[in-house]
Amino acid sequence: TEMLPLDYLIVATITLSCVTGSVAYRCLVW
């Protein structure tokens, strides 16, 4: 089974949301 681009897309979306969000600091602490 190959890794689906969707997997990377989900991770990228969560990461971007955390970084661009005002809770970026809390994400790092959490």
Protein backbone atom coordinates (compact mmCIF):
# COMPACT_ATOMS: atom_id res chain seq x y z
CA THR A 1 0.00 0.00 0.00
CA GLU A 2 1.33 3.43 -0.95
CA MET A 3 1.08 6.53 1.17
CA LEU A 4 -1.80 8.62 -0.10
CA PRO A 5 -1.19 12.37 -0.68
CA LEU A 6 -4.27 12.88 1.46
CA ASP A 7 -2.32 11.76 4.51
CA TYR A 8 0.24 14.48 3.94
CA LEU A 9 -2.54 16.95 3.18
CA ILE A 10 -4.22 16.33 6.53
CA VAL A 11 -0.94 16.74 8.41
CA ALA A 12 -0.11 19.88 6.44
CA THR A 13 -3.55 21.36 7.11
CA ILE A 14 -3.30 20.75 10.85
CA THR A 15 0.24 22.12 10.95
CA LEU A 16 -0.65 25.26 9.02
CA SER A 17 -3.73 25.81 11.17
CA CYS A 18 -1.59 25.53 14.29
CA VAL A 19 1.21 27.76 13.01
CA THR A 20 -0.99 30.44 11.47
CA GLY A 21 -3.39 30.33 14.39
CA SER A 22 -3.14 32.50 17.48
CA VAL A 23 -2.79 29.31 19.49
CA ALA A 24 0.54 28.46 17.88
CA TYR A 25 2.26 28.81 21.25
CA ARG A 26 -0.27 26.57 22.96
CA CYS A 27 0.23 23.96 20.22
CA LEU A 28 3.93 23.81 21.01
CA VAL A 29 3.29 23.63 24.76
CA TRP A 30 0.52 21.09 24.35
